[in-house]
Amino acid sequence: MKISIIMAYYQRQALLDKTLESIDRSAVKDYELIIVDDASEPPLVCDRAKIIRVEKKNKWYTCSSVAWNMGFREATGDIIIIQSPECYHVGDVLTYALDNIKSNLYFSFGCYAIDQGETMNLQYGTMPAIGSYAIKSRTKKGWYNHSIHKPMGYHFCSAILRKDLDKIGGFDERYAHGWAFDDDDFIRRIRCKGMNVNIVDNPFVIHQYHSHFEFSQASVFGKPHLANMKIYESGYDPNIPMDYSLNTIFYNGRDSLWTKIKENYDKFYVSYTGSKEQVIPRNLHMIWLGGDVPFKYIRLIATWKKYHPDWNFKIWNDKDAMAFDMINKVAYDGVDNLGVKSDIFRYEILYRYGGLYVDTDFECLKSFDDLLYLDFFAGGRAEEPQVANGLMACKPNDKYLKKIIDAITEKQHNMDFAVNRILKVAGAEFITTIYLEYIKNTTDKTILFPSSFFYPIPNSFRYEIRKDSLEDRIRTHSYVKPDTHCIHLWYTSWLKDEDLPLTVHTIPIKEKKEKGDSLVKFMLLTKMDNANKRRLPSSAKLKRSII
């Protein structure tokens, strides 16, 4: 019998390469390898596999159940190995499956998780010690799947006959728009079909450590997770047909949220042929509260001046906020968290003056002049509608910004300022709710751009680029696409203060009038001997501002 190995892959090239090394040691050589590249950037490279590439623009789902079914449809083997790309074989899994699989039997191979350090050591050939305990969290070691320590039956690595997979029908794509529980449902349907589940402890697989790119924020993870939990808890229904051989079904229970957003994006950007006369003024706003701007941000700020030399530029600081006649002064003064303060302040700045607001942890790659014909724009997410407020642009007196300010006014005396509530208080979740209601009836040219424009890097990537080294910069730029205008580096200065230098050593900078002056030139005025601890006064302006 022929074996087909199916993998659903996302952003794990090094881990996959190591896994393939372990598979190469199998005595079985006659197998096909099918990998569904689930919109990875950069794309998967694997000459030995049949790669099914899903482009990000075509990825309408968040759950990997859809990707697995894509792989099943292409398989030609009699035995199907369902395999995560990061799961390294210990022992000959393929031979075991070939010698022992039979009708009505499902093999779920044991899976032991190792931590980040052990994963790095494994890359260099050092095998980890295997413990005798179940895993307690994703950051610790232990068995994800084991006949004694944690008998789950999950498909980290599993084997099933093709005819039995046909009977099961593959994965349930009702879970497509959510997160998790598709694996619980899969093993439940196997059992409900009367199949025998055999958890095999030897051979087994080692789960190599990886970051969880897609849903690193609790606010983003929660809703999709709860949606799929609800589907799972509705119970097993044998009357719901499952057939992975059919074209993927688009479950549109949540699609209404996207409808107007997609319409506006196409109408006012992709297919737009109307006037592109400037509407949004060339004002570039940044905010830094709570002291001086750390040195690591200076390089990023300079990129904005590079591509916008004729724009009016201002970094707003604490003194500016105190002098600003703020509508929501009570809310601003009532919160200590600098992230919430910055949120409240940016809405009022944009409403009064218009222009482009951008957080200081963005690197600019091209001019935004081509977008100034719009009335409002911001960046969004690929997984679900969300207005990310790290970059927003609008004309003065924008109607949407007014609705945000009014909503803050209504609740400013009863705001919950706990750190874990920041996104709900005045951040992305808060303004997204208002935006989805606002765009139902407005005729304004308002666009929520896809994440590739301003947020090409996943949120959790921030843990892997903290050094701001040349290697980190090369890696971040691997995510750049033709439509990428800037890159958000997710420094989250409002959440932690570890990036602030310990030594105060400022660069004295005076306001310049000459055209073409830039932050880079200012930096060259002083010899940088202890560069990592040098800081720029937050009140510095790159050119005289009219606002």
Protein backbone atom coordinates (compact mmCIF):
# COMPACT_ATOMS: atom_id res chain seq x y z
CA MET A 1 0.00 0.00 0.00
CA LYS A 2 1.09 3.54 -0.74
CA ILE A 3 1.40 6.22 1.94
CA SER A 4 0.39 9.87 1.55
CA ILE A 5 1.73 12.31 4.16
CA ILE A 6 -0.45 15.41 4.48
CA MET A 7 0.70 18.58 6.23
CA ALA A 8 -0.98 21.95 6.80
CA TYR A 9 1.90 24.41 6.93
CA TYR A 10 2.34 28.00 8.13
CA GLN A 11 5.65 29.84 8.71
CA ARG A 12 7.71 26.89 10.01
CA GLN A 13 10.39 26.26 7.39
CA ALA A 14 13.24 25.34 9.75
CA LEU A 15 11.03 23.06 11.83
CA LEU A 16 9.68 21.37 8.71
CA ASP A 17 13.19 20.79 7.37
CA LYS A 18 14.13 19.07 10.63
CA THR A 19 10.98 16.94 10.52
CA LEU A 20 11.79 15.83 6.98
CA GLU A 21 15.23 14.73 8.17
CA SER A 22 13.52 12.39 10.64
CA ILE A 23 11.15 11.03 8.01
CA ASP A 24 14.10 10.32 5.72
CA ARG A 25 15.33 7.74 8.24
CA SER A 26 12.25 5.58 7.66
CA ALA A 27 12.67 2.30 5.82
CA VAL A 28 9.65 3.28 3.73
CA LYS A 29 10.68 5.24 0.65
CA ASP A 30 7.58 4.95 -1.51
CA TYR A 31 5.37 7.74 -0.21
CA GLU A 32 4.04 11.06 -1.43
CA LEU A 33 4.35 14.29 0.53
CA ILE A 34 1.60 16.89 0.16
CA ILE A 35 1.95 20.21 1.97
CA VAL A 36 -0.71 22.91 2.01
CA ASP A 37 1.15 26.21 2.34
CA ASP A 38 -1.48 28.19 4.20
CA ALA A 39 -0.51 31.72 3.00
CA SER A 40 2.98 31.74 4.50
CA GLU A 41 5.27 34.70 3.82
CA PRO A 42 7.80 33.99 2.54
CA PRO A 43 6.31 30.98 0.73
CA LEU A 44 7.30 27.44 1.63
CA VAL A 45 10.30 25.96 -0.17
CA CYS A 46 10.32 22.17 -0.47
CA ASP A 47 11.36 20.53 -3.74
CA ARG A 48 10.34 17.04 -2.66
CA ALA A 49 6.70 17.88 -1.87
CA LYS A 50 3.62 18.65 -3.86
CA ILE A 51 2.83 22.12 -2.54
CA ILE A 52 -0.69 23.51 -2.58
CA ARG A 53 -0.18 27.24 -2.17
CA VAL A 54 -2.97 29.34 -0.63
CA GLU A 55 -2.47 33.04 -1.34
CA LYS A 56 -3.38 35.38 1.49
CA LYS A 57 -5.93 37.22 -0.65
CA ASN A 58 -7.75 33.91 -1.17
CA LYS A 59 -7.61 32.74 2.44
CA TRP A 60 -11.13 33.35 3.72
CA TYR A 61 -10.82 31.04 6.75
CA THR A 62 -8.86 31.03 10.02
CA CYS A 63 -9.11 27.38 11.02
CA SER A 64 -6.71 24.83 9.52
CA SER A 65 -9.58 22.38 8.91
CA VAL A 66 -9.92 23.83 5.40
CA ALA A 67 -6.22 23.37 4.64
CA TRP A 68 -6.28 19.74 5.78
CA ASN A 69 -9.19 18.99 3.48
CA MET A 70 -7.34 20.59 0.56
CA GLY A 71 -4.50 18.17 1.16
CA PHE A 72 -6.81 15.16 1.47
CA ARG A 73 -8.31 15.92 -1.94
CA GLU A 74 -4.90 15.66 -3.60
CA ALA A 75 -3.76 12.46 -1.86
CA THR A 76 -3.43 9.27 -3.92
CA GLY A 77 -2.21 6.89 -1.19
CA ASP A 78 -4.06 4.05 0.51
CA ILE A 79 -2.76 5.15 3.94
CA ILE A 80 -3.07 8.77 5.00
CA ILE A 81 -0.58 10.17 7.51
CA ILE A 82 -1.96 13.40 9.01
CA GLN A 83 1.13 15.20 10.19
CA SER A 84 1.95 18.65 11.65
CA PRO A 85 5.11 20.04 10.00
CA GLU A 86 6.82 20.69 13.35
CA CYS A 87 6.43 17.09 14.59
CA TYR A 88 9.77 15.26 14.44
CA HIS A 89 9.63 11.45 14.15
CA VAL A 90 11.29 9.34 16.84
CA GLY A 91 11.26 5.82 15.49
CA ASP A 92 9.88 4.63 12.17
CA VAL A 93 6.32 5.95 12.05
CA LEU A 94 5.81 5.09 8.38
CA THR A 95 6.86 1.46 8.77
CA TYR A 96 4.67 1.06 11.86
CA ALA A 97 1.66 2.43 9.98
CA LEU A 98 2.32 0.29 6.91
CA ASP A 99 2.70 -2.91 8.95
CA ASN A 100 -0.17 -2.42 11.40
CA ILE A 101 -2.94 -0.22 9.98
CA LYS A 102 -6.16 -1.96 9.06
CA SER A 103 -9.78 -1.20 8.42
CA ASN A 104 -11.69 0.63 11.13
CA LEU A 105 -8.49 1.54 13.03
CA TYR A 106 -7.06 5.00 13.71
CA PHE A 107 -3.48 5.43 14.94
CA SER A 108 -2.67 8.55 16.96
CA PHE A 109 1.06 8.63 17.63
CA GLY A 110 2.32 9.98 20.94
CA CYS A 111 3.46 13.60 20.87
CA TYR A 112 5.94 15.13 23.31
CA ALA A 113 6.39 18.94 23.36
CA ILE A 114 9.82 20.48 23.88
CA ASP A 115 10.65 24.07 24.74
CA GLN A 116 12.41 26.75 22.70
CA GLY A 117 15.91 25.93 23.92
CA GLU A 118 15.51 22.21 23.30
CA THR A 119 14.14 22.95 19.84
CA MET A 120 17.26 24.96 19.07
CA ASN A 121 19.44 22.12 20.36
CA LEU A 122 17.53 19.63 18.22
CA GLN A 123 18.36 21.72 15.17
CA TYR A 124 22.02 21.00 15.97
CA GLY A 125 21.46 17.31 16.60
CA THR A 126 20.98 17.10 20.37
CA MET A 127 17.97 15.01 21.33
CA PRO A 128 15.94 16.19 24.36
CA ALA A 129 15.24 14.15 27.45
CA ILE A 130 11.69 12.78 27.37
CA GLY A 131 9.70 13.18 30.58
CA SER A 132 6.85 11.13 32.01
CA TYR A 133 4.22 13.83 32.47
CA ALA A 134 1.54 15.69 30.55
CA ILE A 135 2.10 19.21 29.33
CA LYS A 136 0.56 21.90 31.52
CA SER A 137 0.94 24.92 29.28
CA ARG A 138 2.24 25.80 25.85
CA THR A 139 5.42 27.27 27.30
CA LYS A 140 6.42 24.07 29.14
CA LYS A 141 7.43 20.56 28.20
CA GLY A 142 5.39 17.39 28.35
CA TRP A 143 3.12 15.03 26.50
CA TYR A 144 0.42 16.51 24.28
CA ASN A 145 -0.71 12.99 23.47
CA HIS A 146 0.16 9.73 25.29
CA SER A 147 -1.76 6.56 26.13
CA ILE A 148 -1.17 7.06 29.88
CA HIS A 149 -0.14 10.66 30.58
CA LYS A 150 -2.58 12.40 28.23
CA PRO A 151 -4.74 10.09 26.07
CA MET A 152 -6.24 12.63 23.63
CA GLY A 153 -5.96 10.97 20.21
CA TYR A 154 -5.09 14.22 18.41
CA HIS A 155 -3.58 14.35 14.92
CA PHE A 156 -0.13 15.81 15.65
CA CYS A 157 0.81 12.68 13.77
CA SER A 158 -1.79 10.05 12.96
CA ALA A 159 -2.60 7.35 10.43
CA ILE A 160 -5.85 6.22 8.85
CA LEU A 161 -6.84 4.22 5.79
CA ARG A 162 -8.08 6.32 2.91
CA LYS A 163 -11.38 4.46 2.79
CA ASP A 164 -11.95 5.20 6.50
CA LEU A 165 -11.09 8.86 5.99
CA ASP A 166 -13.70 8.90 3.23
CA LYS A 167 -16.19 7.46 5.71
CA ILE A 168 -15.35 10.17 8.27
CA GLY A 169 -15.49 12.88 5.61
CA GLY A 170 -12.36 14.78 6.62
CA PHE A 171 -12.55 17.87 8.84
CA ASP A 172 -15.76 19.75 9.53
CA GLU A 173 -15.51 23.13 7.80
CA ARG A 174 -18.20 24.64 9.95
CA TYR A 175 -15.19 25.50 12.13
CA ALA A 176 -13.58 27.45 9.29
CA HIS A 177 -14.17 30.96 10.64
CA GLY A 178 -13.11 30.20 14.20
CA TRP A 179 -10.18 28.80 16.09
CA ALA A 180 -9.57 25.33 17.60
CA PHE A 181 -12.00 22.47 18.39
CA ASP A 182 -11.82 21.10 14.85
CA ASP A 183 -9.34 18.51 16.18
CA ASP A 184 -11.65 17.58 19.06
CA ASP A 185 -14.50 17.22 16.60
CA PHE A 186 -12.41 15.08 14.26
CA ILE A 187 -11.53 12.50 16.92
CA ARG A 188 -15.11 12.56 18.23
CA ARG A 189 -16.49 11.70 14.79
CA ILE A 190 -13.95 8.91 14.40
CA ARG A 191 -15.18 7.36 17.64
CA CYS A 192 -18.84 7.98 16.82
CA LYS A 193 -18.36 6.11 13.54
CA GLY A 194 -17.37 3.07 15.59
CA MET A 195 -13.66 3.15 14.73
CA ASN A 196 -11.01 1.99 17.18
CA VAL A 197 -8.59 4.69 18.35
CA ASN A 198 -5.13 3.37 19.20
CA ILE A 199 -2.69 5.82 20.82
CA VAL A 200 0.79 4.60 19.92
CA ASP A 201 3.54 5.52 22.40
CA ASN A 202 6.40 4.08 20.34
CA PRO A 203 7.18 5.29 17.73
CA PHE A 204 6.17 8.84 18.62
CA VAL A 205 6.85 12.43 17.56
CA ILE A 206 8.48 15.44 19.18
CA HIS A 207 6.58 18.70 18.87
CA GLN A 208 9.17 21.40 18.16
CA TYR A 209 8.52 24.79 19.74
CA HIS A 210 7.06 27.58 17.60
CA SER A 211 5.40 30.94 18.12
CA HIS A 212 1.65 31.14 17.70
CA PHE A 213 1.50 33.77 14.98
CA GLU A 214 -2.13 34.11 14.13
CA PHE A 215 -3.84 34.61 17.47
CA SER A 216 -1.29 36.02 19.88
CA GLN A 217 -3.63 38.69 21.25
CA ALA A 218 -6.25 37.48 23.68
CA SER A 219 -8.78 39.89 22.18
CA VAL A 220 -8.29 38.33 18.75
CA PHE A 221 -8.13 34.76 20.01
CA GLY A 222 -11.22 34.93 22.20
CA LYS A 223 -14.07 35.42 19.76
CA PRO A 224 -12.99 32.80 17.18
CA HIS A 225 -12.25 30.36 19.99
CA LEU A 226 -15.65 30.85 21.58
CA ALA A 227 -17.39 30.56 18.20
CA ASN A 228 -15.88 27.14 17.58
CA MET A 229 -16.49 26.06 21.16
CA LYS A 230 -20.17 26.77 20.61
CA ILE A 231 -20.21 24.61 17.49
CA TYR A 232 -18.44 21.77 19.27
CA GLU A 233 -20.65 21.91 22.34
CA SER A 234 -23.75 21.66 20.15
CA GLY A 235 -22.88 17.96 19.98
CA TYR A 236 -22.34 15.33 17.33
CA ASP A 237 -24.96 15.19 14.60
CA PRO A 238 -24.63 12.16 12.29
CA ASN A 239 -27.01 13.81 9.83
CA ILE A 240 -24.55 16.61 8.95
CA PRO A 241 -22.80 15.40 5.78
CA MET A 242 -19.00 15.57 5.63
CA ASP A 243 -17.22 15.16 2.31
CA TYR A 244 -13.77 16.66 1.85
CA SER A 245 -13.85 15.70 -1.85
CA LEU A 246 -16.37 18.45 -2.54
CA ASN A 247 -15.34 22.03 -3.18
CA THR A 248 -14.75 23.88 0.05
CA ILE A 249 -17.98 25.30 1.43
CA PHE A 250 -17.93 28.95 2.39
CA TYR A 251 -19.70 29.13 5.73
CA ASN A 252 -20.95 32.70 5.66
CA GLY A 253 -22.30 33.06 9.17
CA ARG A 254 -19.85 35.91 9.84
CA ASP A 255 -19.36 37.09 6.27
CA SER A 256 -21.81 39.98 6.68
CA LEU A 257 -19.17 41.75 8.78
CA TRP A 258 -16.85 41.81 5.80
CA THR A 259 -19.34 42.69 3.07
CA LYS A 260 -19.26 46.48 3.29
CA ILE A 261 -15.52 46.53 4.05
CA LYS A 262 -14.80 44.52 0.91
CA GLU A 263 -17.17 46.64 -1.16
CA ASN A 264 -15.47 49.86 -0.09
CA TYR A 265 -11.99 48.48 -0.68
CA ASP A 266 -12.90 47.49 -4.23
CA LYS A 267 -15.02 50.56 -4.98
CA PHE A 268 -12.66 53.21 -3.67
CA TYR A 269 -9.27 51.57 -4.27
CA VAL A 270 -9.02 48.47 -6.46
CA SER A 271 -11.51 49.57 -9.13
CA TYR A 272 -11.62 53.30 -8.38
CA THR A 273 -11.61 55.58 -11.44
CA GLY A 274 -12.92 58.81 -9.88
CA SER A 275 -11.13 61.96 -8.84
CA LYS A 276 -7.98 61.60 -6.76
CA GLU A 277 -7.83 65.20 -5.69
CA GLN A 278 -6.27 65.52 -2.26
CA VAL A 279 -8.76 65.43 0.62
CA ILE A 280 -6.59 64.46 3.61
CA PRO A 281 -4.05 67.20 4.50
CA ARG A 282 -0.32 66.43 4.49
CA ASN A 283 0.00 66.47 8.27
CA LEU A 284 1.95 63.64 9.87
CA HIS A 285 1.28 63.11 13.59
CA MET A 286 3.05 60.95 16.14
CA ILE A 287 2.63 60.82 19.93
CA TRP A 288 5.17 60.04 22.62
CA LEU A 289 4.11 60.41 26.24
CA GLY A 290 5.98 59.76 29.45
CA GLY A 291 9.44 61.14 28.73
CA ASP A 292 11.91 61.16 25.87
CA VAL A 293 11.72 59.04 22.74
CA PRO A 294 14.00 55.95 23.11
CA PHE A 295 16.83 55.70 20.62
CA LYS A 296 15.49 52.54 18.96
CA TYR A 297 12.58 54.55 17.54
CA ILE A 298 14.74 57.23 15.90
CA ARG A 299 15.61 55.11 12.88
CA LEU A 300 11.93 54.38 12.34
CA ILE A 301 10.86 58.01 12.68
CA ALA A 302 13.51 58.99 10.13
CA THR A 303 11.93 56.72 7.51
CA TRP A 304 8.72 58.76 7.65
CA LYS A 305 10.57 61.99 7.02
CA LYS A 306 12.46 60.35 4.16
CA TYR A 307 9.29 59.55 2.23
CA HIS A 308 7.35 62.66 3.27
CA PRO A 309 9.84 65.56 3.07
CA ASP A 310 7.17 68.17 2.30
CA TRP A 311 4.66 67.11 4.95
CA ASN A 312 4.05 68.98 8.19
CA PHE A 313 5.40 66.76 10.95
CA LYS A 314 4.92 66.84 14.71
CA ILE A 315 5.64 64.53 17.61
CA TRP A 316 3.06 65.39 20.27
CA ASN A 317 4.24 65.09 23.88
CA ASP A 318 2.90 65.50 27.41
CA LYS A 319 3.13 69.30 27.33
CA ASP A 320 1.22 69.41 24.06
CA ALA A 321 -1.49 67.23 25.57
CA MET A 322 -1.80 69.50 28.61
CA ALA A 323 -2.20 72.56 26.37
CA PHE A 324 -4.64 70.87 23.99
CA ASP A 325 -8.29 71.86 24.43
CA MET A 326 -9.39 68.23 24.61
CA ILE A 327 -13.06 67.28 24.45
CA ASN A 328 -12.42 64.17 26.53
CA LYS A 329 -10.10 65.77 29.06
CA VAL A 330 -11.78 63.91 31.93
CA ALA A 331 -11.08 60.54 30.30
CA TYR A 332 -7.49 61.51 29.43
CA ASP A 333 -6.66 62.72 32.94
CA GLY A 334 -8.44 59.80 34.57
CA VAL A 335 -6.19 57.08 33.18
CA ASP A 336 -2.56 56.33 34.01
CA ASN A 337 -1.85 53.91 31.17
CA LEU A 338 -0.01 55.75 28.40
CA GLY A 339 -1.59 53.54 25.74
CA VAL A 340 -5.11 54.67 26.60
CA LYS A 341 -3.98 58.29 26.90
CA SER A 342 -2.42 58.08 23.45
CA ASP A 343 -5.59 56.53 22.00
CA ILE A 344 -7.79 59.31 23.36
CA PHE A 345 -5.34 62.03 22.24
CA ARG A 346 -4.86 60.77 18.67
CA TYR A 347 -8.58 60.81 17.91
CA GLU A 348 -8.84 64.44 18.97
CA ILE A 349 -5.73 65.48 17.02
CA LEU A 350 -7.02 63.85 13.85
CA TYR A 351 -10.51 65.25 14.27
CA ARG A 352 -9.21 68.80 14.68
CA TYR A 353 -6.38 68.90 12.13
CA GLY A 354 -6.80 65.87 9.89
CA GLY A 355 -3.84 64.10 8.34
CA LEU A 356 -2.06 60.82 9.04
CA TYR A 357 -1.46 59.55 12.56
CA VAL A 358 1.11 56.77 12.97
CA ASP A 359 2.62 55.10 16.03
CA THR A 360 6.37 55.47 16.46
CA ASP A 361 7.03 51.75 15.94
CA PHE A 362 6.22 51.79 12.22
CA GLU A 363 8.89 51.73 9.52
CA CYS A 364 7.82 53.62 6.38
CA LEU A 365 8.61 52.08 2.97
CA LYS A 366 6.85 54.44 0.56
CA SER A 367 4.93 57.70 0.38
CA PHE A 368 1.28 57.85 1.45
CA ASP A 369 0.48 60.59 -1.09
CA ASP A 370 -1.39 58.09 -3.26
CA LEU A 371 -4.01 57.56 -0.52
CA LEU A 372 -4.84 61.19 0.31
CA TYR A 373 -7.88 61.28 -1.99
CA LEU A 374 -9.77 59.16 0.55
CA ASP A 375 -11.88 60.55 3.39
CA PHE A 376 -10.63 58.00 5.91
CA PHE A 377 -8.38 54.96 5.95
CA ALA A 378 -6.77 52.63 8.44
CA GLY A 379 -5.35 49.11 8.47
CA GLY A 380 -7.14 45.92 9.35
CA ARG A 381 -6.64 42.23 10.01
CA ALA A 382 -6.98 39.25 7.76
CA GLU A 383 -8.69 37.05 10.39
CA GLU A 384 -11.64 39.24 11.31
CA PRO A 385 -12.76 42.84 10.86
CA GLN A 386 -10.68 45.04 13.12
CA VAL A 387 -9.68 48.69 12.80
CA ALA A 388 -6.12 48.86 14.08
CA ASN A 389 -5.62 52.39 15.39
CA GLY A 390 -1.82 52.43 15.16
CA LEU A 391 -2.18 54.10 11.78
CA MET A 392 -5.20 56.19 10.84
CA ALA A 393 -5.79 59.02 8.37
CA CYS A 394 -8.74 61.31 7.74
CA LYS A 395 -9.84 64.79 6.74
CA PRO A 396 -10.55 67.36 9.49
CA ASN A 397 -13.92 67.02 11.25
CA ASP A 398 -14.27 63.44 10.07
CA LYS A 399 -17.66 61.93 10.96
CA TYR A 400 -16.25 58.60 12.09
CA LEU A 401 -13.70 60.25 14.41
CA LYS A 402 -16.52 62.35 15.85
CA LYS A 403 -18.47 59.19 16.67
CA ILE A 404 -15.42 57.77 18.47
CA ILE A 405 -14.93 60.94 20.50
CA ASP A 406 -18.63 61.08 21.37
CA ALA A 407 -18.60 57.44 22.47
CA ILE A 408 -15.66 58.10 24.80
CA THR A 409 -17.48 61.14 26.19
CA GLU A 410 -20.51 59.01 27.03
CA LYS A 411 -18.53 56.50 29.07
CA GLN A 412 -15.57 58.54 30.34
CA HIS A 413 -16.81 58.51 33.94
CA ASN A 414 -17.15 54.71 33.97
CA MET A 415 -14.13 53.47 32.05
CA ASP A 416 -12.26 50.33 33.07
CA PHE A 417 -8.57 51.12 32.75
CA ALA A 418 -7.09 47.72 33.58
CA VAL A 419 -4.25 46.81 31.22
CA ASN A 420 -6.10 43.81 29.85
CA ARG A 421 -9.02 46.07 28.94
CA ILE A 422 -7.05 48.62 26.93
CA LEU A 423 -8.28 47.45 23.52
CA LYS A 424 -11.86 47.61 24.75
CA VAL A 425 -11.57 51.00 26.51
CA ALA A 426 -10.44 53.16 23.60
CA GLY A 427 -8.42 50.88 21.34
CA ALA A 428 -9.01 48.58 18.40
CA GLU A 429 -12.01 46.62 19.67
CA PHE A 430 -13.75 49.79 20.81
CA ILE A 431 -13.38 51.70 17.54
CA THR A 432 -14.07 48.62 15.39
CA THR A 433 -17.57 48.28 16.85
CA ILE A 434 -18.23 51.92 15.98
CA TYR A 435 -16.72 51.55 12.51
CA LEU A 436 -18.79 48.53 11.51
CA GLU A 437 -21.94 50.44 12.38
CA TYR A 438 -20.75 53.67 10.77
CA ILE A 439 -19.94 52.24 7.31
CA LYS A 440 -23.41 50.77 6.87
CA ASN A 441 -24.81 54.11 5.73
CA THR A 442 -21.93 56.47 4.96
CA THR A 443 -21.08 57.54 1.42
CA ASP A 444 -17.59 58.70 2.43
CA LYS A 445 -14.59 57.14 0.73
CA THR A 446 -13.57 55.14 3.77
CA ILE A 447 -11.31 52.09 3.51
CA LEU A 448 -10.07 49.49 5.95
CA PHE A 449 -7.00 48.22 4.09
CA PRO A 450 -5.87 44.58 4.31
CA SER A 451 -3.06 43.83 6.74
CA SER A 452 -0.49 43.64 3.92
CA PHE A 453 -0.60 47.43 3.52
CA PHE A 454 0.46 48.49 7.02
CA TYR A 455 0.61 45.35 9.21
CA PRO A 456 2.31 42.64 7.13
CA ILE A 457 3.99 41.08 10.19
CA PRO A 458 1.93 39.00 12.67
CA ASN A 459 1.60 40.44 16.18
CA SER A 460 3.48 37.62 17.90
CA PHE A 461 6.48 38.26 15.66
CA ARG A 462 7.51 41.03 18.08
CA TYR A 463 9.04 38.44 20.40
CA GLU A 464 11.50 37.43 17.70
CA ILE A 465 12.81 40.85 16.58
CA ARG A 466 13.66 42.56 19.86
CA LYS A 467 17.31 43.22 19.04
CA ASP A 468 16.56 45.45 16.02
CA SER A 469 19.63 43.88 14.40
CA LEU A 470 20.44 43.70 10.70
CA GLU A 471 19.27 40.09 10.75
CA ASP A 472 15.96 41.16 12.30
CA ARG A 473 15.49 43.87 9.67
CA ILE A 474 16.15 41.44 6.84
CA ARG A 475 13.59 39.09 8.32
CA THR A 476 10.94 41.77 8.76
CA HIS A 477 11.39 42.88 5.16
CA SER A 478 10.75 39.33 3.96
CA TYR A 479 7.08 40.05 4.77
CA VAL A 480 6.92 43.06 2.45
CA LYS A 481 4.53 42.82 -0.48
CA PRO A 482 4.03 45.15 -3.48
CA ASP A 483 1.22 47.02 -1.71
CA THR A 484 3.06 47.37 1.63
CA HIS A 485 3.43 51.04 2.57
CA CYS A 486 4.93 50.50 6.02
CA ILE A 487 5.74 47.80 8.58
CA HIS A 488 4.41 47.74 12.12
CA LEU A 489 7.02 46.25 14.47
CA TRP A 490 4.70 45.74 17.45
CA TYR A 491 6.92 47.31 20.12
CA THR A 492 3.88 47.87 22.42
CA SER A 493 5.61 50.58 24.44
CA TRP A 494 2.36 51.16 26.34
CA LEU A 495 2.53 47.62 27.72
CA LYS A 496 6.12 47.40 28.87
CA ASP A 497 8.95 49.77 29.68
CA GLU A 498 11.89 47.46 29.11
CA ASP A 499 12.97 49.34 25.99
CA LEU A 500 13.55 52.63 27.84
CA PRO A 501 17.26 53.42 28.27
CA LEU A 502 18.59 53.58 31.81
CA THR A 503 20.96 56.46 31.13
CA VAL A 504 19.52 59.83 30.13
CA HIS A 505 21.81 61.20 27.43
CA THR A 506 19.89 63.46 25.06
CA ILE A 507 20.81 64.93 21.72
CA PRO A 508 20.12 68.69 21.69
CA ILE A 509 18.11 69.43 18.57
CA LYS A 510 16.78 72.80 17.58
CA GLU A 511 13.87 73.43 15.27
CA LYS A 512 15.03 73.75 11.66
CA LYS A 513 13.58 75.88 8.88
CA GLU A 514 15.66 74.78 5.91
CA LYS A 515 13.84 72.62 3.41
CA GLY A 516 15.10 69.06 3.36
CA ASP A 517 16.26 68.91 6.96
CA SER A 518 15.71 65.43 8.27
CA LEU A 519 16.11 63.51 11.44
CA VAL A 520 19.01 61.63 9.91
CA LYS A 521 20.89 64.91 9.44
CA PHE A 522 20.13 65.91 13.02
CA MET A 523 21.57 62.63 14.27
CA LEU A 524 24.83 63.25 12.40
CA LEU A 525 25.39 66.54 14.23
CA THR A 526 26.65 64.61 17.24
CA LYS A 527 29.15 61.78 17.29
CA MET A 528 27.25 58.73 18.55
CA ASP A 529 29.49 57.08 21.18
CA ASN A 530 27.10 55.01 23.37
CA ALA A 531 24.43 54.92 20.67
CA ASN A 532 22.12 52.46 22.36
CA LYS A 533 21.51 54.89 25.21
CA ARG A 534 21.13 58.08 23.17
CA ARG A 535 17.65 59.63 23.13
CA LEU A 536 15.83 62.28 21.19
CA PRO A 537 13.75 64.89 23.06
CA SER A 538 10.10 64.06 22.40
CA SER A 539 9.25 67.66 21.60
CA ALA A 540 11.60 67.82 18.62
CA LYS A 541 9.98 68.78 15.32
CA LEU A 542 11.52 67.88 12.01
CA LYS A 543 10.27 71.01 10.26
CA ARG A 544 8.19 73.96 11.27
CA SER A 545 4.59 72.85 11.55
CA ILE A 546 1.51 74.83 10.66
CA ILE A 547 -0.75 72.89 13.02
